[in-house]
Amino acid sequence: MVVSNTGRLKGEIFADKIVVNGLIEGTCYANAIEILDNGKVSGTIYCDNLSIERGGCFLGSTHPAEKEQVVELSSKEKTASKTTKKKPEQKAVNE
């Protein structure tokens, strides 16, 4: 994702690589983030590869990239998925 010199984003961003030459406010999740000389990021960054050029600005906190997102089913959902059975298909008969 590229945020150009006049670009502005606010919110959560999920991308493989983010190049910023404009403004981002919010949370960024990426493998690589590059803040260029006119770029400004304000918020939280989850990334293992961050570079900031001279003139670029970052205000916020950084954290390692989140490798896994685990989703656990509650016991009620597990039970429902085990007991759900397909009904045999009924065919229409034209007599």
Protein backbone atom coordinates (compact mmCIF):
# COMPACT_ATOMS: atom_id res chain seq x y z
CA MET A 1 0.00 0.00 0.00
CA VAL A 2 1.33 3.44 -0.89
CA VAL A 3 0.16 6.65 0.77
CA SER A 4 1.22 9.50 -1.51
CA ASN A 5 2.33 12.99 -0.50
CA THR A 6 -1.27 14.30 -0.43
CA GLY A 7 -2.76 11.03 0.89
CA ARG A 8 -4.42 10.77 4.30
CA LEU A 9 -5.61 7.60 6.07
CA LYS A 10 -7.26 7.11 9.44
CA GLY A 11 -8.05 3.71 10.98
CA GLU A 12 -6.62 0.18 10.88
CA ILE A 13 -4.42 -0.84 7.96
CA PHE A 14 -3.47 -4.42 7.08
CA ALA A 15 -0.92 -4.81 4.26
CA ASP A 16 2.22 -6.71 3.34
CA LYS A 17 4.20 -3.48 2.85
CA ILE A 18 3.23 0.12 3.60
CA VAL A 19 5.09 3.08 2.08
CA VAL A 20 4.11 6.43 3.62
CA ASN A 21 4.80 9.83 2.11
CA GLY A 22 1.54 11.35 3.42
CA LEU A 23 -0.26 10.93 6.75
CA ILE A 24 -1.51 7.82 8.56
CA GLU A 25 -3.35 7.99 11.89
CA GLY A 26 -4.22 4.68 13.49
CA THR A 27 -2.90 1.12 13.71
CA CYS A 28 -0.73 -0.47 11.02
CA TYR A 29 -0.12 -4.21 10.63
CA ALA A 30 2.52 -5.04 8.02
CA ASN A 31 5.64 -7.07 7.26
CA ALA A 32 7.49 -3.88 6.27
CA ILE A 33 6.77 -0.16 6.76
CA GLU A 34 8.75 2.61 5.13
CA ILE A 35 8.17 6.22 6.16
CA LEU A 36 9.58 8.57 3.52
CA ASP A 37 10.87 12.13 3.99
CA ASN A 38 7.37 13.72 3.86
CA GLY A 39 5.62 10.85 5.64
CA LYS A 40 4.04 11.00 9.07
CA VAL A 41 2.58 8.08 11.04
CA SER A 42 0.76 8.61 14.31
CA GLY A 43 -0.45 5.56 16.23
CA THR A 44 0.64 1.97 16.74
CA ILE A 45 2.76 -0.10 14.37
CA TYR A 46 2.94 -3.92 14.40
CA CYS A 47 5.93 -4.65 12.18
CA ASP A 48 9.36 -6.32 12.20
CA ASN A 49 10.87 -4.14 9.45
CA LEU A 50 10.47 -0.38 10.00
CA SER A 51 12.51 2.31 8.26
CA ILE A 52 12.20 6.07 8.60
CA GLU A 53 13.98 8.43 6.20
CA ARG A 54 15.41 11.75 7.36
CA GLY A 55 12.46 14.14 7.54
CA GLY A 56 9.93 11.35 8.16
CA CYS A 57 8.01 11.39 11.43
CA PHE A 58 6.62 8.66 13.67
CA LEU A 59 4.67 9.37 16.86
CA GLY A 60 3.43 6.33 18.74
CA SER A 61 4.49 2.85 19.73
CA THR A 62 5.90 -0.14 17.88
CA HIS A 63 5.40 -3.82 18.54
CA PRO A 64 6.67 -7.00 16.86
CA ALA A 65 4.46 -8.29 14.05
CA GLU A 66 1.75 -10.64 15.22
CA LYS A 67 2.62 -13.96 13.59
CA GLU A 68 -0.51 -15.90 14.49
CA GLN A 69 -4.04 -15.03 15.32
CA VAL A 70 -5.64 -17.89 17.23
CA VAL A 71 -9.41 -18.24 17.19
CA GLU A 72 -10.92 -20.59 19.74
CA LEU A 73 -14.46 -21.90 19.50
CA SER A 74 -16.52 -21.79 22.65
CA SER A 75 -17.80 -25.13 23.98
CA LYS A 76 -21.30 -24.34 22.70
CA GLU A 77 -20.01 -23.79 19.13
CA LYS A 78 -17.90 -26.98 19.31
CA THR A 79 -20.93 -29.01 20.38
CA ALA A 80 -23.12 -27.51 17.65
CA SER A 81 -20.57 -28.27 14.94
CA LYS A 82 -20.26 -31.91 16.09
CA THR A 83 -24.01 -32.54 16.25
CA THR A 84 -24.89 -30.88 12.95
CA LYS A 85 -25.70 -33.60 10.43
CA LYS A 86 -26.71 -33.30 6.83
CA LYS A 87 -30.22 -34.39 5.99
CA PRO A 88 -30.50 -36.74 3.03
CA GLU A 89 -31.44 -34.89 -0.13
CA GLN A 90 -35.00 -35.29 -1.27
CA LYS A 91 -35.53 -35.48 -5.01
CA ALA A 92 -38.59 -34.09 -6.65
CA VAL A 93 -40.57 -36.71 -8.51
CA ASN A 94 -42.63 -35.66 -11.47
CA GLU A 95 -45.47 -38.17 -12.01
